Amino acid sequence: MELNPTELKPAINRLKRAQGQLAAVTRMLEEGRDCKDVVTQLAAVSKALDRAGFAIIATGLEQCLAKEDGSMDKADMEKLFLSLA
């Protein structure tokens, strides 16, 4: 199942933001910043990635239900959700 990039614009933006946050984490480590600050920023990156993943799966599920092309069944969708857990 191919996803519509237009419908995924918010997820794409979230991933770009997470990419910037991850670069900041790397920079913080290179600069020897405080552990608490690094871990806090890393947690923000992780949460952003999770949210983007859930948004992508939700969009895919919505498209799958609308088209009913049979490319993914309930078990496949469940597997995708669990892969982010």
PDB file of N, CA and C in Angstrom:
ATOM      1  N   MET A   1       0.837  -1.172   0.000  1.00  0.00           N
ATOM      2  CA  MET A   1       0.000   0.000   0.000  1.00  0.00           C
ATOM      3  C   MET A   1       0.886   1.241   0.000  1.00  0.00           C
ATOM      4  N   GLU A   2       0.679   2.111  -0.967  1.00  0.00           N
ATOM      5  CA  GLU A   2       1.424   3.357  -1.033  1.00  0.00           C
ATOM      6  C   GLU A   2       0.660   4.426  -0.281  1.00  0.00           C
ATOM      7  N   LEU A   3       1.404   5.289   0.409  1.00  0.00           N
ATOM      8  CA  LEU A   3       0.793   6.351   1.196  1.00  0.00           C
ATOM      9  C   LEU A   3       0.784   7.656   0.414  1.00  0.00           C
ATOM     10  N   ASN A   4      -0.237   8.452   0.651  1.00  0.00           N
ATOM     11  CA  ASN A   4      -0.366   9.749   0.006  1.00  0.00           C
ATOM     12  C   ASN A   4       0.478  10.773   0.761  1.00  0.00           C
ATOM     13  N   PRO A   5       1.532  11.335   0.129  1.00  0.00           N
ATOM     14  CA  PRO A   5       2.407  12.289   0.809  1.00  0.00           C
ATOM     15  C   PRO A   5       1.670  13.542   1.309  1.00  0.00           C
ATOM     16  N   THR A   6       0.644  13.944   0.601  1.00  0.00           N
ATOM     17  CA  THR A   6      -0.113  15.133   1.020  1.00  0.00           C
ATOM     18  C   THR A   6      -0.771  14.901   2.370  1.00  0.00           C
ATOM     19  N   GLU A   7      -1.332  13.718   2.557  1.00  0.00           N
ATOM     20  CA  GLU A   7      -1.984  13.403   3.820  1.00  0.00           C
ATOM     21  C   GLU A   7      -0.979  13.210   4.947  1.00  0.00           C
ATOM     22  N   LEU A   8       0.259  12.958   4.607  1.00  0.00           N
ATOM     23  CA  LEU A   8       1.291  12.712   5.609  1.00  0.00           C
ATOM     24  C   LEU A   8       2.137  13.941   5.923  1.00  0.00           C
ATOM     25  N   LYS A   9       1.752  15.103   5.417  1.00  0.00           N
ATOM     26  CA  LYS A   9       2.530  16.325   5.624  1.00  0.00           C
ATOM     27  C   LYS A   9       2.831  16.583   7.110  1.00  0.00           C
ATOM     28  N   PRO A  10       1.841  16.435   8.015  1.00  0.00           N
ATOM     29  CA  PRO A  10       2.159  16.649   9.435  1.00  0.00           C
ATOM     30  C   PRO A  10       3.203  15.663   9.968  1.00  0.00           C
ATOM     31  N   ALA A  11       3.126  14.409   9.538  1.00  0.00           N
ATOM     32  CA  ALA A  11       4.105  13.413   9.979  1.00  0.00           C
ATOM     33  C   ALA A  11       5.486  13.733   9.410  1.00  0.00           C
ATOM     34  N   ILE A  12       5.523  14.173   8.177  1.00  0.00           N
ATOM     35  CA  ILE A  12       6.797  14.555   7.556  1.00  0.00           C
ATOM     36  C   ILE A  12       7.413  15.726   8.303  1.00  0.00           C
ATOM     37  N   ASN A  13       6.597  16.718   8.639  1.00  0.00           N
ATOM     38  CA  ASN A  13       7.099  17.870   9.395  1.00  0.00           C
ATOM     39  C   ASN A  13       7.616  17.449  10.767  1.00  0.00           C
ATOM     40  N   ARG A  14       6.906  16.534  11.414  1.00  0.00           N
ATOM     41  CA  ARG A  14       7.330  16.031  12.726  1.00  0.00           C
ATOM     42  C   ARG A  14       8.682  15.314  12.617  1.00  0.00           C
ATOM     43  N   LEU A  15       8.861  14.532  11.555  1.00  0.00           N
ATOM     44  CA  LEU A  15      10.129  13.823  11.353  1.00  0.00           C
ATOM     45  C   LEU A  15      11.280  14.802  11.094  1.00  0.00           C
ATOM     46  N   LYS A  16      11.009  15.852  10.360  1.00  0.00           N
ATOM     47  CA  LYS A  16      12.043  16.866  10.111  1.00  0.00           C
ATOM     48  C   LYS A  16      12.433  17.565  11.408  1.00  0.00           C
ATOM     49  N   ARG A  17      11.435  17.840  12.250  1.00  0.00           N
ATOM     50  CA  ARG A  17      11.703  18.456  13.544  1.00  0.00           C
ATOM     51  C   ARG A  17      12.532  17.502  14.415  1.00  0.00           C
ATOM     52  N   ALA A  18      12.181  16.215  14.387  1.00  0.00           N
ATOM     53  CA  ALA A  18      12.923  15.218  15.159  1.00  0.00           C
ATOM     54  C   ALA A  18      14.366  15.107  14.657  1.00  0.00           C
ATOM     55  N   GLN A  19      14.540  15.245  13.370  1.00  0.00           N
ATOM     56  CA  GLN A  19      15.882  15.199  12.788  1.00  0.00           C
ATOM     57  C   GLN A  19      16.734  16.338  13.351  1.00  0.00           C
ATOM     58  N   GLY A  20      16.146  17.511  13.456  1.00  0.00           N
ATOM     59  CA  GLY A  20      16.848  18.658  14.044  1.00  0.00           C
ATOM     60  C   GLY A  20      17.149  18.434  15.519  1.00  0.00           C
ATOM     61  N   GLN A  21      16.189  17.851  16.230  1.00  0.00           N
ATOM     62  CA  GLN A  21      16.405  17.558  17.645  1.00  0.00           C
ATOM     63  C   GLN A  21      17.521  16.545  17.839  1.00  0.00           C
ATOM     64  N   LEU A  22      17.562  15.540  16.971  1.00  0.00           N
ATOM     65  CA  LEU A  22      18.607  14.523  17.071  1.00  0.00           C
ATOM     66  C   LEU A  22      19.986  15.131  16.799  1.00  0.00           C
ATOM     67  N   ALA A  23      20.055  16.039  15.850  1.00  0.00           N
ATOM     68  CA  ALA A  23      21.317  16.735  15.580  1.00  0.00           C
ATOM     69  C   ALA A  23      21.741  17.535  16.813  1.00  0.00           C
ATOM     70  N   ALA A  24      20.764  18.105  17.506  1.00  0.00           N
ATOM     71  CA  ALA A  24      21.062  18.853  18.725  1.00  0.00           C
ATOM     72  C   ALA A  24      21.600  17.929  19.815  1.00  0.00           C
ATOM     73  N   VAL A  25      21.047  16.720  19.910  1.00  0.00           N
ATOM     74  CA  VAL A  25      21.535  15.750  20.899  1.00  0.00           C
ATOM     75  C   VAL A  25      22.993  15.398  20.606  1.00  0.00           C
ATOM     76  N   THR A  26      23.298  15.144  19.365  1.00  0.00           N
ATOM     77  CA  THR A  26      24.674  14.830  18.974  1.00  0.00           C
ATOM     78  C   THR A  26      25.605  15.975  19.337  1.00  0.00           C
ATOM     79  N   ARG A  27      25.187  17.190  19.020  1.00  0.00           N
ATOM     80  CA  ARG A  27      25.989  18.380  19.326  1.00  0.00           C
ATOM     81  C   ARG A  27      26.190  18.520  20.841  1.00  0.00           C
ATOM     82  N   MET A  28      25.118  18.264  21.595  1.00  0.00           N
ATOM     83  CA  MET A  28      25.209  18.364  23.054  1.00  0.00           C
ATOM     84  C   MET A  28      26.227  17.367  23.604  1.00  0.00           C
ATOM     85  N   LEU A  29      26.219  16.148  23.067  1.00  0.00           N
ATOM     86  CA  LEU A  29      27.181  15.142  23.515  1.00  0.00           C
ATOM     87  C   LEU A  29      28.609  15.558  23.172  1.00  0.00           C
ATOM     88  N   GLU A  30      28.791  16.088  21.973  1.00  0.00           N
ATOM     89  CA  GLU A  30      30.122  16.528  21.545  1.00  0.00           C
ATOM     90  C   GLU A  30      30.633  17.680  22.398  1.00  0.00           C
ATOM     91  N   GLU A  31      29.721  18.487  22.909  1.00  0.00           N
ATOM     92  CA  GLU A  31      30.086  19.638  23.736  1.00  0.00           C
ATOM     93  C   GLU A  31      30.218  19.272  25.216  1.00  0.00           C
ATOM     94  N   GLY A  32      29.888  18.015  25.564  1.00  0.00           N
ATOM     95  CA  GLY A  32      29.996  17.589  26.944  1.00  0.00           C
ATOM     96  C   GLY A  32      28.923  18.179  27.849  1.00  0.00           C
ATOM     97  N   ARG A  33      27.736  18.384  27.308  1.00  0.00           N
ATOM     98  CA  ARG A  33      26.637  18.983  28.078  1.00  0.00           C
ATOM     99  C   ARG A  33      26.163  18.054  29.187  1.00  0.00           C
ATOM    100  N   ASP A  34      25.388  18.605  30.084  1.00  0.00           N
ATOM    101  CA  ASP A  34      24.851  17.898  31.240  1.00  0.00           C
ATOM    102  C   ASP A  34      23.998  16.707  30.811  1.00  0.00           C
ATOM    103  N   CYS A  35      24.166  15.604  31.506  1.00  0.00           N
ATOM    104  CA  CYS A  35      23.462  14.352  31.193  1.00  0.00           C
ATOM    105  C   CYS A  35      21.946  14.547  31.190  1.00  0.00           C
ATOM    106  N   LYS A  36      21.428  15.254  32.174  1.00  0.00           N
ATOM    107  CA  LYS A  36      19.984  15.469  32.276  1.00  0.00           C
ATOM    108  C   LYS A  36      19.444  16.191  31.038  1.00  0.00           C
ATOM    109  N   ASP A  37      20.157  17.199  30.579  1.00  0.00           N
ATOM    110  CA  ASP A  37      19.735  17.943  29.393  1.00  0.00           C
ATOM    111  C   ASP A  37      19.745  17.063  28.148  1.00  0.00           C
ATOM    112  N   VAL A  38      20.779  16.245  28.026  1.00  0.00           N
ATOM    113  CA  VAL A  38      20.899  15.353  26.865  1.00  0.00           C
ATOM    114  C   VAL A  38      19.762  14.333  26.858  1.00  0.00           C
ATOM    115  N   VAL A  39      19.508  13.729  28.003  1.00  0.00           N
ATOM    116  CA  VAL A  39      18.463  12.704  28.086  1.00  0.00           C
ATOM    117  C   VAL A  39      17.086  13.319  27.849  1.00  0.00           C
ATOM    118  N   THR A  40      16.859  14.515  28.358  1.00  0.00           N
ATOM    119  CA  THR A  40      15.583  15.207  28.131  1.00  0.00           C
ATOM    120  C   THR A  40      15.366  15.441  26.642  1.00  0.00           C
ATOM    121  N   GLN A  41      16.395  15.904  25.957  1.00  0.00           N
ATOM    122  CA  GLN A  41      16.295  16.151  24.520  1.00  0.00           C
ATOM    123  C   GLN A  41      16.113  14.846  23.754  1.00  0.00           C
ATOM    124  N   LEU A  42      16.805  13.810  24.182  1.00  0.00           N
ATOM    125  CA  LEU A  42      16.695  12.503  23.530  1.00  0.00           C
ATOM    126  C   LEU A  42      15.284  11.936  23.702  1.00  0.00           C
ATOM    127  N   ALA A  43      14.685  12.145  24.856  1.00  0.00           N
ATOM    128  CA  ALA A  43      13.305  11.697  25.093  1.00  0.00           C
ATOM    129  C   ALA A  43      12.343  12.430  24.162  1.00  0.00           C
ATOM    130  N   ALA A  44      12.595  13.705  23.921  1.00  0.00           N
ATOM    131  CA  ALA A  44      11.751  14.478  23.005  1.00  0.00           C
ATOM    132  C   ALA A  44      11.851  13.928  21.585  1.00  0.00           C
ATOM    133  N   VAL A  45      13.053  13.543  21.173  1.00  0.00           N
ATOM    134  CA  VAL A  45      13.246  12.950  19.847  1.00  0.00           C
ATOM    135  C   VAL A  45      12.479  11.635  19.750  1.00  0.00           C
ATOM    136  N   SER A  46      12.598  10.821  20.765  1.00  0.00           N
ATOM    137  CA  SER A  46      11.929   9.525  20.773  1.00  0.00           C
ATOM    138  C   SER A  46      10.413   9.691  20.684  1.00  0.00           C
ATOM    139  N   LYS A  47       9.875  10.627  21.444  1.00  0.00           N
ATOM    140  CA  LYS A  47       8.428  10.864  21.429  1.00  0.00           C
ATOM    141  C   LYS A  47       7.980  11.370  20.053  1.00  0.00           C
ATOM    142  N   ALA A  48       8.760  12.249  19.444  1.00  0.00           N
ATOM    143  CA  ALA A  48       8.416  12.771  18.121  1.00  0.00           C
ATOM    144  C   ALA A  48       8.406  11.650  17.082  1.00  0.00           C
ATOM    145  N   LEU A  49       9.373  10.746  17.165  1.00  0.00           N
ATOM    146  CA  LEU A  49       9.420   9.624  16.229  1.00  0.00           C
ATOM    147  C   LEU A  49       8.226   8.694  16.428  1.00  0.00           C
ATOM    148  N   ASP A  50       7.894   8.427  17.687  1.00  0.00           N
ATOM    149  CA  ASP A  50       6.731   7.579  17.971  1.00  0.00           C
ATOM    150  C   ASP A  50       5.455   8.198  17.409  1.00  0.00           C
ATOM    151  N   ARG A  51       5.273   9.484  17.637  1.00  0.00           N
ATOM    152  CA  ARG A  51       4.062  10.150  17.159  1.00  0.00           C
ATOM    153  C   ARG A  51       3.989  10.148  15.637  1.00  0.00           C
ATOM    154  N   ALA A  52       5.117  10.353  15.000  1.00  0.00           N
ATOM    155  CA  ALA A  52       5.144  10.308  13.536  1.00  0.00           C
ATOM    156  C   ALA A  52       4.787   8.906  13.049  1.00  0.00           C
ATOM    157  N   GLY A  53       5.338   7.902  13.702  1.00  0.00           N
ATOM    158  CA  GLY A  53       5.036   6.521  13.324  1.00  0.00           C
ATOM    159  C   GLY A  53       3.564   6.200  13.471  1.00  0.00           C
ATOM    160  N   PHE A  54       2.964   6.621  14.582  1.00  0.00           N
ATOM    161  CA  PHE A  54       1.539   6.366  14.793  1.00  0.00           C
ATOM    162  C   PHE A  54       0.693   7.112  13.761  1.00  0.00           C
ATOM    163  N   ALA A  55       1.101   8.329  13.422  1.00  0.00           N
ATOM    164  CA  ALA A  55       0.360   9.096  12.418  1.00  0.00           C
ATOM    165  C   ALA A  55       0.434   8.413  11.055  1.00  0.00           C
ATOM    166  N   ILE A  56       1.593   7.885  10.727  1.00  0.00           N
ATOM    167  CA  ILE A  56       1.756   7.185   9.452  1.00  0.00           C
ATOM    168  C   ILE A  56       0.887   5.931   9.419  1.00  0.00           C
ATOM    169  N   ILE A  57       0.902   5.165  10.503  1.00  0.00           N
ATOM    170  CA  ILE A  57       0.083   3.955  10.556  1.00  0.00           C
ATOM    171  C   ILE A  57      -1.400   4.301  10.507  1.00  0.00           C
ATOM    172  N   ALA A  58      -1.806   5.338  11.226  1.00  0.00           N
ATOM    173  CA  ALA A  58      -3.220   5.733  11.223  1.00  0.00           C
ATOM    174  C   ALA A  58      -3.662   6.151   9.826  1.00  0.00           C
ATOM    175  N   THR A  59      -2.813   6.886   9.128  1.00  0.00           N
ATOM    176  CA  THR A  59      -3.137   7.291   7.763  1.00  0.00           C
ATOM    177  C   THR A  59      -3.233   6.071   6.861  1.00  0.00           C
ATOM    178  N   GLY A  60      -2.306   5.145   7.021  1.00  0.00           N
ATOM    179  CA  GLY A  60      -2.342   3.916   6.230  1.00  0.00           C
ATOM    180  C   GLY A  60      -3.594   3.108   6.500  1.00  0.00           C
ATOM    181  N   LEU A  61      -3.978   3.024   7.765  1.00  0.00           N
ATOM    182  CA  LEU A  61      -5.191   2.291   8.123  1.00  0.00           C
ATOM    183  C   LEU A  61      -6.417   2.947   7.495  1.00  0.00           C
ATOM    184  N   GLU A  62      -6.466   4.249   7.577  1.00  0.00           N
ATOM    185  CA  GLU A  62      -7.586   4.983   6.994  1.00  0.00           C
ATOM    186  C   GLU A  62      -7.668   4.741   5.484  1.00  0.00           C
ATOM    187  N   GLN A  63      -6.536   4.821   4.813  1.00  0.00           N
ATOM    188  CA  GLN A  63      -6.517   4.595   3.366  1.00  0.00           C
ATOM    189  C   GLN A  63      -6.865   3.143   3.042  1.00  0.00           C
ATOM    190  N   CYS A  64      -6.384   2.238   3.862  1.00  0.00           N
ATOM    191  CA  CYS A  64      -6.647   0.822   3.646  1.00  0.00           C
ATOM    192  C   CYS A  64      -8.148   0.536   3.755  1.00  0.00           C
ATOM    193  N   LEU A  65      -8.784   1.125   4.743  1.00  0.00           N
ATOM    194  CA  LEU A  65     -10.212   0.915   4.931  1.00  0.00           C
ATOM    195  C   LEU A  65     -11.027   1.555   3.808  1.00  0.00           C
ATOM    196  N   ALA A  66     -10.568   2.694   3.326  1.00  0.00           N
ATOM    197  CA  ALA A  66     -11.289   3.402   2.274  1.00  0.00           C
ATOM    198  C   ALA A  66     -11.191   2.668   0.937  1.00  0.00           C
ATOM    199  N   LYS A  67     -10.037   2.095   0.654  1.00  0.00           N
ATOM    200  CA  LYS A  67      -9.822   1.459  -0.649  1.00  0.00           C
ATOM    201  C   LYS A  67     -10.215  -0.008  -0.660  1.00  0.00           C
ATOM    202  N   GLU A  68     -10.033  -0.654   0.472  1.00  0.00           N
ATOM    203  CA  GLU A  68     -10.314  -2.082   0.572  1.00  0.00           C
ATOM    204  C   GLU A  68      -9.679  -2.868  -0.580  1.00  0.00           C
ATOM    205  N   ASP A  69      -8.427  -2.569  -0.845  1.00  0.00           N
ATOM    206  CA  ASP A  69      -7.744  -3.268  -1.939  1.00  0.00           C
ATOM    207  C   ASP A  69      -7.139  -4.603  -1.507  1.00  0.00           C
ATOM    208  N   GLY A  70      -7.249  -4.910  -0.215  1.00  0.00           N
ATOM    209  CA  GLY A  70      -6.773  -6.191   0.271  1.00  0.00           C
ATOM    210  C   GLY A  70      -5.271  -6.300   0.434  1.00  0.00           C
ATOM    211  N   SER A  71      -4.537  -5.185   0.272  1.00  0.00           N
ATOM    212  CA  SER A  71      -3.091  -5.253   0.373  1.00  0.00           C
ATOM    213  C   SER A  71      -2.622  -5.467   1.812  1.00  0.00           C
ATOM    214  N   MET A  72      -3.448  -5.069   2.788  1.00  0.00           N
ATOM    215  CA  MET A  72      -3.111  -5.279   4.195  1.00  0.00           C
ATOM    216  C   MET A  72      -4.354  -5.752   4.930  1.00  0.00           C
ATOM    217  N   ASP A  73      -4.173  -6.767   5.746  1.00  0.00           N
ATOM    218  CA  ASP A  73      -5.301  -7.232   6.536  1.00  0.00           C
ATOM    219  C   ASP A  73      -5.134  -6.772   7.989  1.00  0.00           C
ATOM    220  N   LYS A  74      -6.064  -7.149   8.826  1.00  0.00           N
ATOM    221  CA  LYS A  74      -6.058  -6.724  10.227  1.00  0.00           C
ATOM    222  C   LYS A  74      -4.765  -7.153  10.930  1.00  0.00           C
ATOM    223  N   ALA A  75      -4.311  -8.348  10.671  1.00  0.00           N
ATOM    224  CA  ALA A  75      -3.086  -8.842  11.306  1.00  0.00           C
ATOM    225  C   ALA A  75      -1.871  -8.007  10.896  1.00  0.00           C
ATOM    226  N   ASP A  76      -1.814  -7.612   9.634  1.00  0.00           N
ATOM    227  CA  ASP A  76      -0.704  -6.775   9.166  1.00  0.00           C
ATOM    228  C   ASP A  76      -0.702  -5.419   9.872  1.00  0.00           C
ATOM    229  N   MET A  77      -1.883  -4.817   9.992  1.00  0.00           N
ATOM    230  CA  MET A  77      -1.984  -3.517  10.656  1.00  0.00           C
ATOM    231  C   MET A  77      -1.626  -3.637  12.137  1.00  0.00           C
ATOM    232  N   GLU A  78      -2.082  -4.698  12.769  1.00  0.00           N
ATOM    233  CA  GLU A  78      -1.754  -4.912  14.191  1.00  0.00           C
ATOM    234  C   GLU A  78      -0.238  -5.052  14.371  1.00  0.00           C
ATOM    235  N   LYS A  79       0.378  -5.767  13.463  1.00  0.00           N
ATOM    236  CA  LYS A  79       1.825  -5.950  13.516  1.00  0.00           C
ATOM    237  C   LYS A  79       2.557  -4.611  13.407  1.00  0.00           C
ATOM    238  N   LEU A  80       2.056  -3.727  12.529  1.00  0.00           N
ATOM    239  CA  LEU A  80       2.657  -2.410  12.395  1.00  0.00           C
ATOM    240  C   LEU A  80       2.536  -1.605  13.681  1.00  0.00           C
ATOM    241  N   PHE A  81       1.346  -1.609  14.280  1.00  0.00           N
ATOM    242  CA  PHE A  81       1.150  -0.892  15.542  1.00  0.00           C
ATOM    243  C   PHE A  81       2.097  -1.427  16.611  1.00  0.00           C
ATOM    244  N   LEU A  82       2.191  -2.724  16.727  1.00  0.00           N
ATOM    245  CA  LEU A  82       3.029  -3.326  17.758  1.00  0.00           C
ATOM    246  C   LEU A  82       4.519  -3.069  17.524  1.00  0.00           C
ATOM    247  N   SER A  83       4.905  -2.846  16.292  1.00  0.00           N
ATOM    248  CA  SER A  83       6.313  -2.582  16.013  1.00  0.00           C
ATOM    249  C   SER A  83       6.765  -1.268  16.629  1.00  0.00           C
ATOM    250  N   LEU A  84       5.827  -0.377  16.934  1.00  0.00           N
ATOM    251  CA  LEU A  84       6.179   0.897  17.561  1.00  0.00           C
ATOM    252  C   LEU A  84       6.089   0.842  19.083  1.00  0.00           C
ATOM    253  N   ALA A  85       5.582  -0.250  19.602  1.00  0.00           N
ATOM    254  CA  ALA A  85       5.403  -0.356  21.070  1.00  0.00           C
ATOM    255  C   ALA A  85       6.711  -0.652  21.763  1.00  0.00           C
TER     256      ALA A  85
END
